[in-house]
PDB file of N, CA and C in Angstrom:
ATOM      1  N   MET A   1      80.939  36.070  27.230  1.00  0.00           N
ATOM      2  CA  MET A   1      80.066  35.027  26.716  1.00  0.00           C
ATOM      3  C   MET A   1      80.892  34.086  25.834  1.00  0.00           C
ATOM      4  N   PRO A   2      80.914  32.802  26.144  1.00  0.00           N
ATOM      5  CA  PRO A   2      81.692  31.870  25.335  1.00  0.00           C
ATOM      6  C   PRO A   2      81.078  31.682  23.946  1.00  0.00           C
ATOM      7  N   ILE A   3      81.941  31.412  23.001  1.00  0.00           N
ATOM      8  CA  ILE A   3      81.490  31.153  21.637  1.00  0.00           C
ATOM      9  C   ILE A   3      81.055  29.691  21.537  1.00  0.00           C
ATOM     10  N   THR A   4      79.855  29.484  21.061  1.00  0.00           N
ATOM     11  CA  THR A   4      79.343  28.126  20.866  1.00  0.00           C
ATOM     12  C   THR A   4      79.672  27.661  19.447  1.00  0.00           C
ATOM     13  N   ARG A   5      79.533  26.381  19.216  1.00  0.00           N
ATOM     14  CA  ARG A   5      79.760  25.841  17.875  1.00  0.00           C
ATOM     15  C   ARG A   5      78.795  26.499  16.880  1.00  0.00           C
ATOM     16  N   ASP A   6      77.532  26.674  17.279  1.00  0.00           N
ATOM     17  CA  ASP A   6      76.557  27.313  16.388  1.00  0.00           C
ATOM     18  C   ASP A   6      76.957  28.746  16.070  1.00  0.00           C
ATOM     19  N   ARG A   7      77.426  29.488  17.076  1.00  0.00           N
ATOM     20  CA  ARG A   7      77.844  30.878  16.858  1.00  0.00           C
ATOM     21  C   ARG A   7      79.067  30.919  15.936  1.00  0.00           C
ATOM     22  N   LEU A   8      79.982  29.993  16.120  1.00  0.00           N
ATOM     23  CA  LEU A   8      81.158  29.938  15.263  1.00  0.00           C
ATOM     24  C   LEU A   8      80.751  29.637  13.821  1.00  0.00           C
ATOM     25  N   HIS A   9      79.813  28.725  13.638  1.00  0.00           N
ATOM     26  CA  HIS A   9      79.304  28.443  12.288  1.00  0.00           C
ATOM     27  C   HIS A   9      78.669  29.687  11.678  1.00  0.00           C
ATOM     28  N   ASP A  10      77.910  30.433  12.479  1.00  0.00           N
ATOM     29  CA  ASP A  10      77.300  31.677  11.991  1.00  0.00           C
ATOM     30  C   ASP A  10      78.376  32.673  11.556  1.00  0.00           C
ATOM     31  N   MET A  11      79.439  32.766  12.341  1.00  0.00           N
ATOM     32  CA  MET A  11      80.526  33.692  12.017  1.00  0.00           C
ATOM     33  C   MET A  11      81.197  33.292  10.705  1.00  0.00           C
ATOM     34  N   ILE A  12      81.401  31.987  10.512  1.00  0.00           N
ATOM     35  CA  ILE A  12      82.017  31.509   9.273  1.00  0.00           C
ATOM     36  C   ILE A  12      81.082  31.759   8.095  1.00  0.00           C
ATOM     37  N   ASP A  13      79.799  31.514   8.272  1.00  0.00           N
ATOM     38  CA  ASP A  13      78.827  31.753   7.203  1.00  0.00           C
ATOM     39  C   ASP A  13      78.787  33.218   6.790  1.00  0.00           C
ATOM     40  N   ALA A  14      79.044  34.122   7.724  1.00  0.00           N
ATOM     41  CA  ALA A  14      79.001  35.555   7.433  1.00  0.00           C
ATOM     42  C   ALA A  14      80.331  36.096   6.905  1.00  0.00           C
ATOM     43  N   LEU A  15      81.347  35.278   6.899  1.00  0.00           N
ATOM     44  CA  LEU A  15      82.683  35.703   6.497  1.00  0.00           C
ATOM     45  C   LEU A  15      82.747  35.959   4.993  1.00  0.00           C
ATOM     46  N   PRO A  16      83.276  37.114   4.596  1.00  0.00           N
ATOM     47  CA  PRO A  16      83.434  37.368   3.159  1.00  0.00           C
ATOM     48  C   PRO A  16      84.442  36.396   2.543  1.00  0.00           C
ATOM     49  N   ALA A  17      84.231  36.024   1.308  1.00  0.00           N
ATOM     50  CA  ALA A  17      85.059  35.032   0.628  1.00  0.00           C
ATOM     51  C   ALA A  17      86.537  35.406   0.633  1.00  0.00           C
ATOM     52  N   GLU A  18      86.846  36.687   0.583  1.00  0.00           N
ATOM     53  CA  GLU A  18      88.256  37.094   0.535  1.00  0.00           C
ATOM     54  C   GLU A  18      89.001  36.791   1.838  1.00  0.00           C
ATOM     55  N   HIS A  19      88.276  36.410   2.887  1.00  0.00           N
ATOM     56  CA  HIS A  19      88.907  36.080   4.161  1.00  0.00           C
ATOM     57  C   HIS A  19      88.962  34.571   4.430  1.00  0.00           C
ATOM     58  N   PHE A  20      88.494  33.769   3.483  1.00  0.00           N
ATOM     59  CA  PHE A  20      88.470  32.325   3.690  1.00  0.00           C
ATOM     60  C   PHE A  20      89.851  31.746   3.961  1.00  0.00           C
ATOM     61  N   ASP A  21      90.840  32.132   3.168  1.00  0.00           N
ATOM     62  CA  ASP A  21      92.185  31.581   3.349  1.00  0.00           C
ATOM     63  C   ASP A  21      92.730  31.906   4.737  1.00  0.00           C
ATOM     64  N   ALA A  22      92.579  33.150   5.166  1.00  0.00           N
ATOM     65  CA  ALA A  22      93.093  33.554   6.481  1.00  0.00           C
ATOM     66  C   ALA A  22      92.365  32.807   7.594  1.00  0.00           C
ATOM     67  N   ALA A  23      91.053  32.651   7.470  1.00  0.00           N
ATOM     68  CA  ALA A  23      90.281  31.943   8.488  1.00  0.00           C
ATOM     69  C   ALA A  23      90.675  30.470   8.537  1.00  0.00           C
ATOM     70  N   ALA A  24      90.832  29.860   7.372  1.00  0.00           N
ATOM     71  CA  ALA A  24      91.221  28.451   7.331  1.00  0.00           C
ATOM     72  C   ALA A  24      92.601  28.268   7.950  1.00  0.00           C
ATOM     73  N   HIS A  25      93.506  29.178   7.662  1.00  0.00           N
ATOM     74  CA  HIS A  25      94.849  29.087   8.238  1.00  0.00           C
ATOM     75  C   HIS A  25      94.797  29.215   9.753  1.00  0.00           C
ATOM     76  N   ALA A  26      94.019  30.161  10.258  1.00  0.00           N
ATOM     77  CA  ALA A  26      93.907  30.355  11.708  1.00  0.00           C
ATOM     78  C   ALA A  26      93.322  29.113  12.378  1.00  0.00           C
ATOM     79  N   ILE A  27      92.303  28.536  11.789  1.00  0.00           N
ATOM     80  CA  ILE A  27      91.696  27.331  12.355  1.00  0.00           C
ATOM     81  C   ILE A  27      92.682  26.167  12.286  1.00  0.00           C
ATOM     82  N   TRP A  28      93.394  26.055  11.173  1.00  0.00           N
ATOM     83  CA  TRP A  28      94.387  24.984  11.017  1.00  0.00           C
ATOM     84  C   TRP A  28      95.461  25.088  12.101  1.00  0.00           C
ATOM     85  N   LEU A  29      95.921  26.308  12.382  1.00  0.00           N
ATOM     86  CA  LEU A  29      96.945  26.491  13.413  1.00  0.00           C
ATOM     87  C   LEU A  29      96.470  25.984  14.774  1.00  0.00           C
ATOM     88  N   LEU A  30      95.181  26.098  15.032  1.00  0.00           N
ATOM     89  CA  LEU A  30      94.641  25.657  16.315  1.00  0.00           C
ATOM     90  C   LEU A  30      94.490  24.139  16.392  1.00  0.00           C
ATOM     91  N   THR A  31      94.533  23.470  15.238  1.00  0.00           N
ATOM     92  CA  THR A  31      94.305  22.027  15.232  1.00  0.00           C
ATOM     93  C   THR A  31      95.582  21.220  15.050  1.00  0.00           C
ATOM     94  N   VAL A  32      96.683  21.876  14.701  1.00  0.00           N
ATOM     95  CA  VAL A  32      97.955  21.169  14.497  1.00  0.00           C
ATOM     96  C   VAL A  32      98.483  20.708  15.848  1.00  0.00           C
ATOM     97  N   PRO A  33      98.863  19.448  15.945  1.00  0.00           N
ATOM     98  CA  PRO A  33      99.408  18.971  17.226  1.00  0.00           C
ATOM     99  C   PRO A  33     100.696  19.719  17.580  1.00  0.00           C
ATOM    100  N   GLU A  34     100.893  19.917  18.860  1.00  0.00           N
ATOM    101  CA  GLU A  34     102.097  20.588  19.324  1.00  0.00           C
ATOM    102  C   GLU A  34     103.309  19.707  19.022  1.00  0.00           C
ATOM    103  N   ASP A  35     104.381  20.334  18.585  1.00  0.00           N
ATOM    104  CA  ASP A  35     105.616  19.604  18.295  1.00  0.00           C
ATOM    105  C   ASP A  35     106.240  19.181  19.617  1.00  0.00           C
ATOM    106  N   ASP A  36     106.315  17.886  19.845  1.00  0.00           N
ATOM    107  CA  ASP A  36     106.859  17.400  21.114  1.00  0.00           C
ATOM    108  C   ASP A  36     108.236  16.767  20.941  1.00  0.00           C
ATOM    109  N   GLU A  37     108.835  16.974  19.744  1.00  0.00           N
ATOM    110  CA  GLU A  37     110.177  16.475  19.514  1.00  0.00           C
ATOM    111  C   GLU A  37     111.176  17.358  20.256  1.00  0.00           C
ATOM    112  N   PRO A  38     112.154  16.763  20.912  1.00  0.00           N
ATOM    113  CA  PRO A  38     113.155  17.575  21.604  1.00  0.00           C
ATOM    114  C   PRO A  38     114.033  18.325  20.603  1.00  0.00           C
ATOM    115  N   VAL A  39     114.499  19.498  20.997  1.00  0.00           N
ATOM    116  CA  VAL A  39     115.418  20.268  20.170  1.00  0.00           C
ATOM    117  C   VAL A  39     116.818  19.714  20.413  1.00  0.00           C
ATOM    118  N   THR A  40     117.481  19.345  19.328  1.00  0.00           N
ATOM    119  CA  THR A  40     118.798  18.735  19.438  1.00  0.00           C
ATOM    120  C   THR A  40     119.897  19.787  19.264  1.00  0.00           C
ATOM    121  N   ASP A  41     121.115  19.416  19.582  1.00  0.00           N
ATOM    122  CA  ASP A  41     122.255  20.297  19.344  1.00  0.00           C
ATOM    123  C   ASP A  41     122.378  20.593  17.852  1.00  0.00           C
ATOM    124  N   GLU A  42     122.082  19.604  17.023  1.00  0.00           N
ATOM    125  CA  GLU A  42     122.109  19.806  15.572  1.00  0.00           C
ATOM    126  C   GLU A  42     121.072  20.852  15.155  1.00  0.00           C
ATOM    127  N   ASP A  43     119.875  20.807  15.745  1.00  0.00           N
ATOM    128  CA  ASP A  43     118.844  21.805  15.462  1.00  0.00           C
ATOM    129  C   ASP A  43     119.331  23.203  15.839  1.00  0.00           C
ATOM    130  N   ARG A  44     119.907  23.327  17.034  1.00  0.00           N
ATOM    131  CA  ARG A  44     120.393  24.622  17.506  1.00  0.00           C
ATOM    132  C   ARG A  44     121.487  25.175  16.581  1.00  0.00           C
ATOM    133  N   GLU A  45     122.362  24.287  16.118  1.00  0.00           N
ATOM    134  CA  GLU A  45     123.431  24.715  15.210  1.00  0.00           C
ATOM    135  C   GLU A  45     122.850  25.175  13.874  1.00  0.00           C
ATOM    136  N   ALA A  46     121.839  24.473  13.368  1.00  0.00           N
ATOM    137  CA  ALA A  46     121.202  24.866  12.109  1.00  0.00           C
ATOM    138  C   ALA A  46     120.551  26.243  12.243  1.00  0.00           C
ATOM    139  N   VAL A  47     119.902  26.504  13.370  1.00  0.00           N
ATOM    140  CA  VAL A  47     119.286  27.813  13.601  1.00  0.00           C
ATOM    141  C   VAL A  47     120.363  28.887  13.688  1.00  0.00           C
ATOM    142  N   ARG A  48     121.456  28.593  14.406  1.00  0.00           N
ATOM    143  CA  ARG A  48     122.544  29.563  14.542  1.00  0.00           C
ATOM    144  C   ARG A  48     123.121  29.907  13.164  1.00  0.00           C
ATOM    145  N   LEU A  49     123.368  28.894  12.345  1.00  0.00           N
ATOM    146  CA  LEU A  49     123.903  29.130  11.003  1.00  0.00           C
ATOM    147  C   LEU A  49     122.924  29.924  10.140  1.00  0.00           C
ATOM    148  N   GLY A  50     121.637  29.625  10.275  1.00  0.00           N
ATOM    149  CA  GLY A  50     120.622  30.385   9.541  1.00  0.00           C
ATOM    150  C   GLY A  50     120.610  31.849   9.931  1.00  0.00           C
ATOM    151  N   HIS A  51     120.754  32.129  11.226  1.00  0.00           N
ATOM    152  CA  HIS A  51     120.812  33.523  11.679  1.00  0.00           C
ATOM    153  C   HIS A  51     122.045  34.213  11.130  1.00  0.00           C
ATOM    154  N   GLU A  52     123.183  33.525  11.105  1.00  0.00           N
ATOM    155  CA  GLU A  52     124.403  34.109  10.545  1.00  0.00           C
ATOM    156  C   GLU A  52     124.213  34.434   9.065  1.00  0.00           C
ATOM    157  N   GLU A  53     123.615  33.512   8.308  1.00  0.00           N
ATOM    158  CA  GLU A  53     123.357  33.760   6.887  1.00  0.00           C
ATOM    159  C   GLU A  53     122.444  34.963   6.706  1.00  0.00           C
ATOM    160  N   TYR A  54     121.430  35.071   7.550  1.00  0.00           N
ATOM    161  CA  TYR A  54     120.503  36.197   7.473  1.00  0.00           C
ATOM    162  C   TYR A  54     121.248  37.513   7.725  1.00  0.00           C
ATOM    163  N   ARG A  55     122.083  37.535   8.769  1.00  0.00           N
ATOM    164  CA  ARG A  55     122.833  38.759   9.097  1.00  0.00           C
ATOM    165  C   ARG A  55     123.776  39.159   7.962  1.00  0.00           C
ATOM    166  N   ARG A  56     124.289  38.200   7.217  1.00  0.00           N
ATOM    167  CA  ARG A  56     125.178  38.494   6.096  1.00  0.00           C
ATOM    168  C   ARG A  56     124.395  38.868   4.833  1.00  0.00           C
ATOM    169  N   GLY A  57     123.067  38.863   4.911  1.00  0.00           N
ATOM    170  CA  GLY A  57     122.243  39.213   3.758  1.00  0.00           C
ATOM    171  C   GLY A  57     122.081  38.082   2.762  1.00  0.00           C
ATOM    172  N   GLU A  58     122.286  36.854   3.211  1.00  0.00           N
ATOM    173  CA  GLU A  58     122.206  35.703   2.319  1.00  0.00           C
ATOM    174  C   GLU A  58     120.844  35.010   2.352  1.00  0.00           C
ATOM    175  N   ALA A  59     119.894  35.580   3.047  1.00  0.00           N
ATOM    176  CA  ALA A  59     118.564  34.974   3.136  1.00  0.00           C
ATOM    177  C   ALA A  59     117.848  35.111   1.791  1.00  0.00           C
ATOM    178  N   VAL A  60     117.013  34.148   1.479  1.00  0.00           N
ATOM    179  CA  VAL A  60     116.226  34.177   0.251  1.00  0.00           C
ATOM    180  C   VAL A  60     114.806  34.602   0.614  1.00  0.00           C
ATOM    181  N   PRO A  61     114.288  35.670  -0.006  1.00  0.00           N
ATOM    182  CA  PRO A  61     112.903  36.086   0.278  1.00  0.00           C
ATOM    183  C   PRO A  61     111.911  34.959  -0.036  1.00  0.00           C
ATOM    184  N   HIS A  62     110.812  34.934   0.683  1.00  0.00           N
ATOM    185  CA  HIS A  62     109.811  33.878   0.546  1.00  0.00           C
ATOM    186  C   HIS A  62     109.356  33.699  -0.901  1.00  0.00           C
ATOM    187  N   ALA A  63     109.032  34.798  -1.558  1.00  0.00           N
ATOM    188  CA  ALA A  63     108.544  34.705  -2.940  1.00  0.00           C
ATOM    189  C   ALA A  63     109.596  34.077  -3.851  1.00  0.00           C
ATOM    190  N   GLU A  64     110.871  34.399  -3.633  1.00  0.00           N
ATOM    191  CA  GLU A  64     111.944  33.828  -4.433  1.00  0.00           C
ATOM    192  C   GLU A  64     112.099  32.334  -4.146  1.00  0.00           C
ATOM    193  N   ALA A  65     111.996  31.949  -2.886  1.00  0.00           N
ATOM    194  CA  ALA A  65     112.102  30.529  -2.529  1.00  0.00           C
ATOM    195  C   ALA A  65     110.977  29.742  -3.188  1.00  0.00           C
ATOM    196  N   ILE A  66     109.771  30.284  -3.169  1.00  0.00           N
ATOM    197  CA  ILE A  66     108.622  29.629  -3.806  1.00  0.00           C
ATOM    198  C   ILE A  66     108.875  29.466  -5.304  1.00  0.00           C
ATOM    199  N   ARG A  67     109.411  30.528  -5.928  1.00  0.00           N
ATOM    200  CA  ARG A  67     109.705  30.474  -7.374  1.00  0.00           C
ATOM    201  C   ARG A  67     110.761  29.406  -7.658  1.00  0.00           C
ATOM    202  N   ARG A  68     111.835  29.383  -6.854  1.00  0.00           N
ATOM    203  CA  ARG A  68     112.913  28.413  -7.065  1.00  0.00           C
ATOM    204  C   ARG A  68     112.430  26.972  -6.901  1.00  0.00           C
ATOM    205  N   LEU A  69     111.480  26.782  -6.016  1.00  0.00           N
ATOM    206  CA  LEU A  69     110.951  25.441  -5.771  1.00  0.00           C
ATOM    207  C   LEU A  69     109.898  25.040  -6.802  1.00  0.00           C
ATOM    208  N   GLY A  70     109.560  25.975  -7.684  1.00  0.00           N
ATOM    209  CA  GLY A  70     108.562  25.684  -8.708  1.00  0.00           C
ATOM    210  C   GLY A  70     107.152  25.649  -8.178  1.00  0.00           C
ATOM    211  N   LEU A  71     106.909  26.338  -7.050  1.00  0.00           N
ATOM    212  CA  LEU A  71     105.584  26.315  -6.438  1.00  0.00           C
ATOM    213  C   LEU A  71     104.741  27.512  -6.820  1.00  0.00           C
ATOM    214  N   ALA A  72     105.332  28.472  -7.530  1.00  0.00           N
ATOM    215  CA  ALA A  72     104.586  29.667  -7.954  1.00  0.00           C
ATOM    216  C   ALA A  72     103.662  29.285  -9.096  1.00  0.00           C
ATOM    217  N   GLY A  73     102.439  29.801  -9.038  1.00  0.00           N
ATOM    218  CA  GLY A  73     101.458  29.448 -10.051  1.00  0.00           C
ATOM    219  C   GLY A  73     101.471  30.250 -11.230  1.00  0.00           C
TER     220      GLY A  73
END
């Protein structure tokens, strides 16, 4: 049975508040336009270098990156 707009609204209305962020993120992911930019050689090199840094243990954990950027509340 397909989900109708009314049924989806009912599901959102029944959603506990602690799940709002996750639901909003999931819906946002479905509405973001697909990236249609071509991947360049420069992009591939940046990814390769990032993987090398990660393998050497030089990656910064997400929470630390947020703190360094001053985005932690």
